[in-house]
Amino acid sequence: MKNNENSMSRRKFLAVSSAIAGTSLASPASSLYAGTNNIKVTQNARKRIALVGTGIRGMRMFGQDIVRNYSDYAEFVALCDINPGRLAAAKDMIGVDCPTYTDFDRMMRETNPELVFVITDDDAHERLINRAMELGANVVTEKPMAIDEKQIQSIIDADKTNNKTCQVSFNYRYAPIRAAMWEVLRSGELGELTSVDFNWYLDHDHGARYFRRWHRLMEKGGSLWVHKATHHFDLLNWWIDSDPEVVYALSDLEVFGKNGPFRAPNCRSCPHTRECRHYWDITRDNTAMRLYVDNEHYDGYLRDGCVYRNDVNIFDKHTATIGYKNGVQAAYSLVCYSPYAGYRIGFSGTKGRMDAFIEENNPLSNVDFDQAIIYPNSGRRRFINVPKRGGHGGGDKLIMDQIFIPGSEDPYKSSAGIRDGALSCLVGIAARKSVASGQPVKIEGLTSIVPQVQKEYKRIIV
């Protein structure tokens, strides 16, 4: 597949966008795999939407926030969840008057949504994405798009046979500081990019959450190589503007799971609450109580599960080297028990370097902006200061604006489609396989996707 066969210039994109004003939800063309230039378009004044998965993430960002900010552009026609109690509680919290379903196919047949938000456990994404497209809806899915290469190939195949599209909710791309870095990388100020250092730190509170919930199980979330790091791998792919080619990784479980000094089924039943640094009193969180604790009898899910349970089979430290098709090399790490939350990122080029240290969720910090620093090989350093703006670095609002508000542009190529979602997952899947085998793993051959040197994908409007 040649690059120019699947590229669309910025000028051409804007011309197409102007020609179909009044539509929304920009994302890469799902017909990319077939090498065609078709642009799929659905036009409607007020989009008919359905939410599948009514946990906290779905209920808030894809429920309450939509009702609060985008009711002029969209209306809920259905909510769906396998837990009927949580479904009823979420409907009340979101504040909508629409049918609720525990049967996805029935929901699709009876309500005919145009757009389905898939915000469920990760292992269910592939089935719901494929079925939604098959039954006539476009999809926005939370990351990761899928948890293994077979699921990814299934989505690629389904995309070829359905005239619908899927956008992956990579809100990290939309954060203004990351967009500013993207601009610098495109400007040529650093020269030719050669290497990237990317280190992500989850503090004890945030990191522990993954080991408390269903994410602790490899079969549910594909490990944090996929569930969490797919966000970071997508950023790397987007920044570097090339496809990943090979991955070598190391991982281990050193703090959580079997390493704990004591354990119990969950925090409420634990006799060690005074000793455990990861004790969480869920009874102090009214939303979690209403959504989860009040509805445990339906499915047995313990939202305040013990982080030291013996069934934890994912990792809490991760290190990878990623080789890109264009020759860039990336060194990546993720640790789940840091004293602070945030990330360090450094880009080295032939004309200089750009570094940033972004600390997140620190109530004691009096810094109200994110900063990147450019160090030229000669001359004075330059500072980029971007105000902090809301959830996920300001990305939450921007991605929702693009999904719902007609005429929203995509100047940073932030919208992510199936190929982007697949490649971000495939880095994590390759890393997981490398940990198991002790050998580097190539991206090509995992699915039908062949890595390309440069990512110039056309945009579409859904």
Protein backbone atom coordinates (compact mmCIF):
# COMPACT_ATOMS: atom_id res chain seq x y z
CA MET A 1 0.00 0.00 0.00
CA LYS A 2 1.61 3.22 -1.14
CA ASN A 3 1.41 6.28 1.05
CA ASN A 4 -0.01 8.55 -1.66
CA GLU A 5 -2.83 6.10 -2.37
CA ASN A 6 -4.22 6.70 1.11
CA SER A 7 -3.33 10.29 1.78
CA MET A 8 -5.48 13.37 1.85
CA SER A 9 -3.99 16.82 1.92
CA ARG A 10 -5.07 19.31 4.55
CA ARG A 11 -6.44 21.56 1.78
CA LYS A 12 -8.49 18.72 0.32
CA PHE A 13 -9.80 17.76 3.75
CA LEU A 14 -10.97 21.28 4.47
CA ALA A 15 -12.64 21.44 1.08
CA VAL A 16 -14.49 18.20 1.72
CA SER A 17 -15.40 19.31 5.27
CA SER A 18 -16.82 22.58 3.94
CA ALA A 19 -18.80 20.77 1.29
CA ILE A 20 -20.55 18.62 3.87
CA ALA A 21 -21.13 21.24 6.55
CA GLY A 22 -23.58 20.29 9.24
CA THR A 23 -22.05 16.88 9.88
CA SER A 24 -19.73 15.83 12.71
CA LEU A 25 -17.39 13.20 14.17
CA ALA A 26 -14.23 13.37 12.09
CA SER A 27 -12.14 10.19 11.97
CA PRO A 28 -9.77 8.37 9.59
CA ALA A 29 -11.34 6.52 6.67
CA SER A 30 -12.25 2.99 7.59
CA SER A 31 -11.84 1.94 3.95
CA LEU A 32 -8.09 2.53 4.32
CA TYR A 33 -7.35 -1.20 4.26
CA ALA A 34 -8.93 -1.61 0.86
CA GLY A 35 -6.94 1.29 -0.59
CA THR A 36 -10.02 3.26 -1.65
CA ASN A 37 -10.82 6.95 -1.28
CA ASN A 38 -14.47 6.62 -0.29
CA ILE A 39 -15.77 9.11 2.26
CA LYS A 40 -18.70 7.88 4.31
CA VAL A 41 -21.23 10.51 5.32
CA THR A 42 -24.26 10.47 7.59
CA GLN A 43 -26.22 13.67 7.98
CA ASN A 44 -28.71 14.47 10.71
CA ALA A 45 -29.56 17.57 12.71
CA ARG A 46 -29.77 15.90 16.13
CA LYS A 47 -27.88 12.65 16.43
CA ARG A 48 -29.64 9.62 17.91
CA ILE A 49 -27.17 8.11 20.38
CA ALA A 50 -26.99 5.08 22.66
CA LEU A 51 -24.61 4.38 25.54
CA VAL A 52 -23.44 0.84 26.24
CA GLY A 53 -21.70 0.52 29.61
CA THR A 54 -22.99 2.65 32.47
CA GLY A 55 -20.11 2.53 34.93
CA ILE A 56 -18.63 5.76 36.26
CA ARG A 57 -16.76 6.59 33.04
CA GLY A 58 -19.77 5.98 30.83
CA MET A 59 -22.24 7.64 33.17
CA ARG A 60 -20.17 10.81 33.56
CA MET A 61 -18.28 11.68 30.37
CA PHE A 62 -20.55 9.87 27.92
CA GLY A 63 -23.74 10.49 29.87
CA GLN A 64 -23.96 13.51 32.15
CA ASP A 65 -21.50 15.61 30.15
CA ILE A 66 -23.37 14.98 26.90
CA VAL A 67 -26.72 15.89 28.44
CA ARG A 68 -25.22 19.00 30.04
CA ASN A 69 -23.25 20.28 27.05
CA TYR A 70 -24.51 18.70 23.82
CA SER A 71 -28.28 18.29 24.06
CA ASP A 72 -28.69 20.62 21.09
CA TYR A 73 -26.73 18.18 18.96
CA ALA A 74 -27.69 14.74 20.29
CA GLU A 75 -30.44 12.85 22.07
CA PHE A 76 -30.22 9.60 24.00
CA VAL A 77 -32.48 6.92 22.59
CA ALA A 78 -31.19 4.09 24.81
CA LEU A 79 -28.88 3.02 27.62
CA CYS A 80 -27.54 -0.54 27.87
CA ASP A 81 -25.69 -2.52 30.54
CA ILE A 82 -25.57 -6.15 31.65
CA ASN A 83 -26.29 -5.06 35.25
CA PRO A 84 -29.93 -3.89 35.49
CA GLY A 85 -29.45 -2.20 38.85
CA ARG A 86 -26.49 -0.15 37.71
CA LEU A 87 -28.38 0.67 34.53
CA ALA A 88 -31.31 2.11 36.49
CA ALA A 89 -29.03 4.10 38.79
CA ALA A 90 -27.06 5.52 35.85
CA LYS A 91 -30.24 6.53 34.03
CA ASP A 92 -31.30 8.53 37.08
CA MET A 93 -27.86 10.15 37.47
CA ILE A 94 -27.61 11.05 33.77
CA GLY A 95 -31.09 12.50 33.85
CA VAL A 96 -32.54 11.06 30.64
CA ASP A 97 -35.93 9.63 29.79
CA CYS A 98 -35.11 6.84 27.37
CA PRO A 99 -35.51 3.04 27.31
CA THR A 100 -32.93 0.86 29.05
CA TYR A 101 -31.75 -2.56 27.91
CA THR A 102 -29.67 -5.47 29.08
CA ASP A 103 -29.88 -7.01 25.58
CA PHE A 104 -27.72 -5.14 23.06
CA ASP A 105 -29.29 -6.55 19.89
CA ARG A 106 -32.78 -5.76 21.13
CA MET A 107 -31.71 -2.20 21.91
CA MET A 108 -30.34 -1.78 18.39
CA ARG A 109 -33.47 -3.17 16.72
CA GLU A 110 -35.96 -1.19 18.79
CA THR A 111 -34.21 2.21 19.02
CA ASN A 112 -32.12 2.37 15.82
CA PRO A 113 -29.33 4.66 17.12
CA GLU A 114 -27.06 6.44 14.66
CA LEU A 115 -24.12 6.50 17.04
CA VAL A 116 -23.24 3.97 19.77
CA PHE A 117 -20.78 4.69 22.57
CA VAL A 118 -19.03 1.49 23.72
CA ILE A 119 -17.76 2.09 27.27
CA THR A 120 -17.75 -1.46 28.66
CA ASP A 121 -15.12 -3.88 29.96
CA ASP A 122 -12.40 -4.09 27.32
CA ASP A 123 -12.97 -7.73 26.40
CA ALA A 124 -16.48 -6.88 25.15
CA HIS A 125 -15.43 -4.03 22.82
CA GLU A 126 -14.82 -6.10 19.70
CA ARG A 127 -18.19 -7.86 19.77
CA LEU A 128 -20.13 -4.66 20.42
CA ILE A 129 -18.22 -2.58 17.84
CA ASN A 130 -18.74 -5.18 15.12
CA ARG A 131 -22.40 -5.76 15.96
CA ALA A 132 -23.19 -2.04 16.13
CA MET A 133 -21.67 -1.44 12.69
CA GLU A 134 -23.44 -4.51 11.31
CA LEU A 135 -26.78 -3.20 12.60
CA GLY A 136 -26.30 0.22 11.03
CA ALA A 137 -24.63 2.49 13.60
CA ASN A 138 -21.37 4.36 13.75
CA VAL A 139 -19.32 3.78 16.89
CA VAL A 140 -17.21 5.70 19.38
CA THR A 141 -15.32 3.27 21.61
CA GLU A 142 -13.23 3.80 24.69
CA LYS A 143 -9.65 2.67 24.43
CA PRO A 144 -8.40 0.05 23.99
CA MET A 145 -10.30 -0.88 20.86
CA ALA A 146 -9.60 -4.56 21.54
CA ILE A 147 -7.34 -6.69 23.73
CA ASP A 148 -5.68 -9.16 21.34
CA GLU A 149 -4.68 -9.44 17.70
CA LYS A 150 -7.57 -11.77 16.79
CA GLN A 151 -10.11 -9.24 18.04
CA ILE A 152 -8.35 -6.47 16.14
CA GLN A 153 -8.40 -8.46 12.91
CA SER A 154 -12.09 -9.15 13.47
CA ILE A 155 -12.81 -5.41 13.67
CA ILE A 156 -10.71 -4.75 10.56
CA ASP A 157 -12.67 -7.41 8.68
CA ALA A 158 -16.03 -6.11 9.93
CA ASP A 159 -15.06 -2.60 8.88
CA LYS A 160 -14.52 -3.79 5.31
CA THR A 161 -18.02 -5.20 5.05
CA ASN A 162 -20.05 -2.45 6.76
CA ASN A 163 -20.62 1.08 5.54
CA LYS A 164 -20.03 2.46 9.04
CA THR A 165 -17.07 3.78 11.02
CA CYS A 166 -15.50 3.55 14.45
CA GLN A 167 -13.66 6.32 16.29
CA VAL A 168 -11.45 5.48 19.27
CA SER A 169 -11.75 7.88 22.19
CA PHE A 170 -8.11 8.97 22.41
CA ASN A 171 -8.80 12.15 24.37
CA TYR A 172 -5.09 12.38 25.28
CA ARG A 173 -4.38 13.60 21.75
CA TYR A 174 -6.63 16.61 22.29
CA ALA A 175 -4.86 18.06 25.36
CA PRO A 176 -3.47 21.48 24.32
CA ILE A 177 0.07 20.80 25.59
CA ARG A 178 0.27 17.62 23.52
CA ALA A 179 -1.09 19.41 20.48
CA ALA A 180 1.60 22.07 21.01
CA MET A 181 4.26 19.33 20.99
CA TRP A 182 2.73 17.93 17.79
CA GLU A 183 3.04 21.36 16.16
CA VAL A 184 6.69 21.69 17.15
CA LEU A 185 7.45 18.26 15.72
CA ARG A 186 5.75 19.19 12.44
CA SER A 187 7.45 22.59 12.25
CA GLY A 188 10.95 21.23 11.66
CA GLU A 189 12.35 23.16 14.61
CA LEU A 190 13.94 19.99 16.01
CA GLY A 191 15.14 18.87 12.60
CA GLU A 192 14.64 15.21 11.79
CA LEU A 193 13.26 13.32 14.79
CA THR A 194 15.55 10.48 15.84
CA SER A 195 14.48 9.20 19.29
CA VAL A 196 11.88 9.63 22.01
CA ASP A 197 11.97 8.96 25.77
CA PHE A 198 8.51 8.53 27.33
CA ASN A 199 8.03 7.64 31.00
CA TRP A 200 4.57 7.49 32.57
CA TYR A 201 4.03 7.42 36.34
CA LEU A 202 0.86 6.32 38.11
CA ASP A 203 0.82 7.30 41.75
CA HIS A 204 -0.15 4.78 44.44
CA ASP A 205 -3.76 5.92 44.42
CA HIS A 206 -4.30 5.86 40.66
CA GLY A 207 -2.16 2.79 40.10
CA ALA A 208 -3.96 0.80 42.78
CA ARG A 209 -7.31 1.37 41.09
CA TYR A 210 -6.39 -0.94 38.24
CA PHE A 211 -5.57 -3.75 40.64
CA ARG A 212 -8.77 -3.17 42.60
CA ARG A 213 -11.08 -3.47 39.59
CA TRP A 214 -11.64 -5.90 36.70
CA HIS A 215 -8.52 -4.53 34.99
CA ARG A 216 -6.41 -6.77 37.27
CA LEU A 217 -7.31 -9.73 35.04
CA MET A 218 -5.39 -10.24 31.79
CA GLU A 219 -8.42 -11.79 30.13
CA LYS A 220 -10.55 -8.70 30.83
CA GLY A 221 -8.21 -5.84 29.88
CA GLY A 222 -5.23 -7.42 28.15
CA SER A 223 -2.93 -6.14 30.95
CA LEU A 224 -1.94 -2.50 31.40
CA TRP A 225 0.27 -2.92 28.34
CA VAL A 226 -3.02 -2.69 26.47
CA HIS A 227 -5.61 -1.08 28.74
CA LYS A 228 -3.50 1.84 29.96
CA ALA A 229 -0.44 2.04 27.72
CA THR A 230 -2.47 2.02 24.51
CA HIS A 231 -3.15 5.71 25.31
CA HIS A 232 0.60 6.35 25.42
CA PHE A 233 1.44 4.26 22.36
CA ASP A 234 -1.19 6.15 20.41
CA LEU A 235 0.46 9.42 21.43
CA LEU A 236 3.83 8.12 20.27
CA ASN A 237 2.40 6.96 16.94
CA TRP A 238 0.69 10.34 16.48
CA TRP A 239 3.70 12.41 17.48
CA ILE A 240 6.25 10.36 15.53
CA ASP A 241 3.95 10.21 12.47
CA SER A 242 5.02 6.70 11.56
CA ASP A 243 3.86 3.18 12.26
CA PRO A 244 5.54 1.01 14.93
CA GLU A 245 7.49 -1.88 13.49
CA VAL A 246 9.08 -3.92 16.32
CA VAL A 247 8.78 -4.09 20.12
CA TYR A 248 11.01 -5.55 22.82
CA ALA A 249 9.69 -5.43 26.38
CA LEU A 250 10.22 -6.42 30.00
CA SER A 251 7.56 -6.51 32.75
CA ASP A 252 6.93 -7.77 36.25
CA LEU A 253 4.49 -7.70 39.17
CA GLU A 254 6.34 -6.45 42.22
CA VAL A 255 3.97 -4.54 44.50
CA PHE A 256 0.38 -5.65 43.98
CA GLY A 257 -1.30 -9.05 43.82
CA LYS A 258 0.62 -11.91 45.39
CA ASN A 259 3.23 -9.47 46.74
CA GLY A 260 0.86 -7.99 49.31
CA PRO A 261 1.43 -8.54 53.05
CA PHE A 262 -2.25 -9.41 53.57
CA ARG A 263 -5.43 -9.77 51.53
CA ALA A 264 -9.18 -10.00 51.67
CA PRO A 265 -11.98 -10.14 49.07
CA ASN A 266 -12.48 -6.38 49.27
CA CYS A 267 -11.78 -3.34 51.43
CA ARG A 268 -15.10 -3.42 53.28
CA SER A 269 -14.47 -6.97 54.49
CA CYS A 270 -10.78 -6.47 55.30
CA PRO A 271 -9.46 -6.58 58.91
CA HIS A 272 -6.27 -4.74 57.87
CA THR A 273 -7.70 -1.34 56.96
CA ARG A 274 -5.47 0.52 59.43
CA GLU A 275 -2.31 -1.08 58.04
CA CYS A 276 -3.02 -1.04 54.29
CA ARG A 277 -1.86 2.01 52.37
CA HIS A 278 -4.28 1.10 49.60
CA TYR A 279 -7.41 0.90 51.73
CA TRP A 280 -10.31 2.67 50.03
CA ASP A 281 -13.51 3.43 51.91
CA ILE A 282 -16.05 3.15 49.12
CA THR A 283 -18.86 4.06 51.51
CA ARG A 284 -17.62 7.67 51.38
CA ASP A 285 -18.23 7.80 47.60
CA ASN A 286 -21.97 8.14 47.02
CA THR A 287 -21.71 7.65 43.26
CA ALA A 288 -19.71 4.43 43.60
CA MET A 289 -22.13 3.17 46.23
CA ARG A 290 -25.16 3.77 44.00
CA LEU A 291 -23.61 2.36 40.84
CA TYR A 292 -21.69 -0.58 42.26
CA VAL A 293 -22.25 -1.57 45.88
CA ASP A 294 -26.04 -1.32 45.68
CA ASN A 295 -25.97 -3.62 42.65
CA GLU A 296 -23.36 -6.22 43.61
CA HIS A 297 -26.08 -8.85 43.99
CA TYR A 298 -26.69 -8.82 40.23
CA ASP A 299 -23.20 -9.77 39.07
CA GLY A 300 -20.93 -10.13 42.13
CA TYR A 301 -18.60 -7.34 40.98
CA LEU A 302 -16.69 -5.77 43.91
CA ARG A 303 -15.67 -2.24 42.97
CA ASP A 304 -13.51 -1.96 46.12
CA GLY A 305 -11.68 -5.24 45.55
CA CYS A 306 -8.43 -5.99 47.37
CA VAL A 307 -5.37 -4.95 45.37
CA TYR A 308 -3.49 -7.93 46.83
CA ARG A 309 -5.79 -10.67 45.59
CA ASN A 310 -3.98 -13.74 44.33
CA ASP A 311 -5.84 -13.70 41.03
CA VAL A 312 -4.03 -10.54 39.85
CA ASN A 313 -2.26 -11.66 36.66
CA ILE A 314 -1.14 -8.35 35.11
CA PHE A 315 2.05 -6.34 35.65
CA ASP A 316 2.78 -3.21 37.68
CA LYS A 317 6.06 -2.20 36.00
CA HIS A 318 6.64 -2.03 32.25
CA THR A 319 9.60 -1.13 30.02
CA ALA A 320 9.71 -1.28 26.22
CA THR A 321 11.85 -0.31 23.27
CA ILE A 322 9.86 0.44 20.13
CA GLY A 323 11.32 0.70 16.65
CA TYR A 324 9.39 2.74 14.09
CA LYS A 325 9.24 2.24 10.35
CA ASN A 326 10.81 5.68 9.75
CA GLY A 327 13.83 4.82 11.93
CA VAL A 328 12.79 6.62 15.13
CA GLN A 329 13.45 4.68 18.32
CA ALA A 330 11.31 5.11 21.44
CA ALA A 331 12.10 4.11 25.01
CA TYR A 332 8.92 3.72 27.09
CA SER A 333 8.12 2.88 30.69
CA LEU A 334 5.03 2.68 32.91
CA VAL A 335 5.19 2.27 36.68
CA CYS A 336 2.07 1.88 38.81
CA TYR A 337 3.35 2.81 42.29
CA SER A 338 5.04 6.18 41.96
CA PRO A 339 4.89 8.86 44.70
CA TYR A 340 3.42 11.23 42.09
CA ALA A 341 1.36 11.06 38.90
CA GLY A 342 2.44 12.39 35.54
CA TYR A 343 4.87 11.84 32.71
CA ARG A 344 8.21 12.87 31.25
CA ILE A 345 8.64 13.10 27.51
CA GLY A 346 11.74 13.98 25.50
CA PHE A 347 12.14 14.26 21.72
CA SER A 348 15.63 14.29 20.21
CA GLY A 349 16.18 15.61 16.71
CA THR A 350 19.05 16.57 14.47
CA LYS A 351 18.61 20.28 15.35
CA GLY A 352 17.69 20.09 19.04
CA ARG A 353 15.53 18.55 21.73
CA MET A 354 12.15 19.14 23.37
CA ASP A 355 11.41 18.06 26.95
CA ALA A 356 8.39 18.21 29.20
CA PHE A 357 7.54 17.06 32.71
CA ILE A 358 3.80 17.13 33.33
CA GLU A 359 2.65 16.45 36.88
CA GLU A 360 -1.00 15.51 37.18
CA ASN A 361 -3.61 15.70 39.94
CA ASN A 362 -1.39 17.37 42.52
CA PRO A 363 -3.62 19.49 44.82
CA LEU A 364 -0.53 21.10 46.37
CA SER A 365 0.83 22.39 43.08
CA ASN A 366 0.35 26.09 42.40
CA VAL A 367 1.36 25.77 38.74
CA ASP A 368 -1.64 26.48 36.50
CA PHE A 369 0.03 25.66 33.18
CA ASP A 370 1.81 22.77 31.45
CA GLN A 371 5.24 23.47 30.04
CA ALA A 372 7.49 22.13 27.29
CA ILE A 373 11.05 23.37 26.76
CA ILE A 374 12.85 23.43 23.42
CA TYR A 375 16.65 23.23 23.48
CA PRO A 376 18.16 24.09 20.07
CA ASN A 377 21.64 22.83 19.25
CA SER A 378 22.65 26.48 19.11
CA GLY A 379 20.86 29.47 20.54
CA ARG A 380 18.62 30.04 23.52
CA ARG A 381 16.06 27.62 24.85
CA ARG A 382 12.37 28.35 24.27
CA PHE A 383 9.49 27.77 26.69
CA ILE A 384 5.97 26.74 25.72
CA ASN A 385 3.40 27.35 28.47
CA VAL A 386 -0.15 26.08 28.01
CA PRO A 387 -2.88 26.68 30.64
CA LYS A 388 -4.28 23.59 32.33
CA ARG A 389 -7.84 23.05 31.10
CA GLY A 390 -10.06 20.40 32.63
CA GLY A 391 -10.25 16.62 32.38
CA HIS A 392 -7.35 14.72 30.79
CA GLY A 393 -5.42 17.91 30.21
CA GLY A 394 -8.36 19.58 28.50
CA GLY A 395 -8.81 16.73 26.03
CA ASP A 396 -12.25 15.56 27.21
CA LYS A 397 -14.12 18.67 26.09
CA LEU A 398 -12.25 19.03 22.80
CA ILE A 399 -12.91 15.48 21.66
CA MET A 400 -16.59 15.78 22.55
CA ASP A 401 -16.83 19.08 20.68
CA GLN A 402 -15.44 17.37 17.60
CA ILE A 403 -17.83 14.45 17.92
CA PHE A 404 -20.97 16.56 18.26
CA ILE A 405 -20.58 20.15 17.06
CA PRO A 406 -21.01 20.57 13.29
CA GLY A 407 -18.10 22.18 11.48
CA SER A 408 -15.49 21.29 14.11
CA GLU A 409 -12.10 21.08 12.43
CA ASP A 410 -9.26 18.69 13.13
CA PRO A 411 -6.10 20.78 12.66
CA TYR A 412 -3.88 18.37 14.62
CA LYS A 413 -5.24 15.17 13.06
CA SER A 414 -6.45 14.21 16.51
CA SER A 415 -9.40 12.02 15.54
CA ALA A 416 -8.46 8.36 15.62
CA GLY A 417 -10.05 5.59 13.61
CA ILE A 418 -9.77 1.83 13.44
CA ARG A 419 -6.22 1.74 12.07
CA ASP A 420 -4.99 4.11 14.79
CA GLY A 421 -6.81 2.12 17.44
CA ALA A 422 -5.38 -1.11 16.10
CA LEU A 423 -1.77 0.08 15.99
CA SER A 424 -1.88 1.49 19.51
CA CYS A 425 -3.17 -1.85 20.79
CA LEU A 426 -0.72 -3.85 18.71
CA VAL A 427 2.26 -2.18 20.40
CA GLY A 428 0.91 -3.32 23.76
CA ILE A 429 0.06 -6.77 22.46
CA ALA A 430 3.55 -7.11 20.96
CA ALA A 431 5.04 -5.97 24.28
CA ARG A 432 3.01 -8.59 26.12
CA LYS A 433 4.17 -11.27 23.71
CA SER A 434 7.77 -10.10 24.03
CA VAL A 435 7.60 -10.37 27.82
CA ALA A 436 6.36 -13.95 27.45
CA SER A 437 8.92 -14.99 24.84
CA GLY A 438 11.93 -12.88 25.79
CA GLN A 439 12.30 -11.91 22.14
CA PRO A 440 11.47 -8.83 20.03
CA VAL A 441 8.09 -9.04 18.33
CA LYS A 442 7.26 -7.55 14.94
CA ILE A 443 3.98 -5.71 14.37
CA GLU A 444 3.64 -7.02 10.82
CA GLY A 445 2.09 -10.46 10.86
CA LEU A 446 0.00 -9.93 13.98
CA THR A 447 -2.83 -8.67 11.76
CA SER A 448 -3.26 -7.72 8.09
CA ILE A 449 -1.93 -4.21 8.80
CA VAL A 450 1.43 -3.55 7.14
CA PRO A 451 3.40 -0.78 8.93
CA GLN A 452 3.92 2.36 6.83
CA VAL A 453 6.75 4.89 7.00
CA GLN A 454 4.51 7.94 7.24
CA LYS A 455 0.99 8.26 8.59
CA GLU A 456 -0.91 10.42 6.13
CA TYR A 457 -4.45 9.13 6.46
CA LYS A 458 -7.50 10.77 5.01
CA ARG A 459 -10.18 12.17 7.29
CA ILE A 460 -13.86 11.36 7.13
CA ILE A 461 -17.04 12.81 8.52
CA VAL A 462 -19.56 10.45 10.11
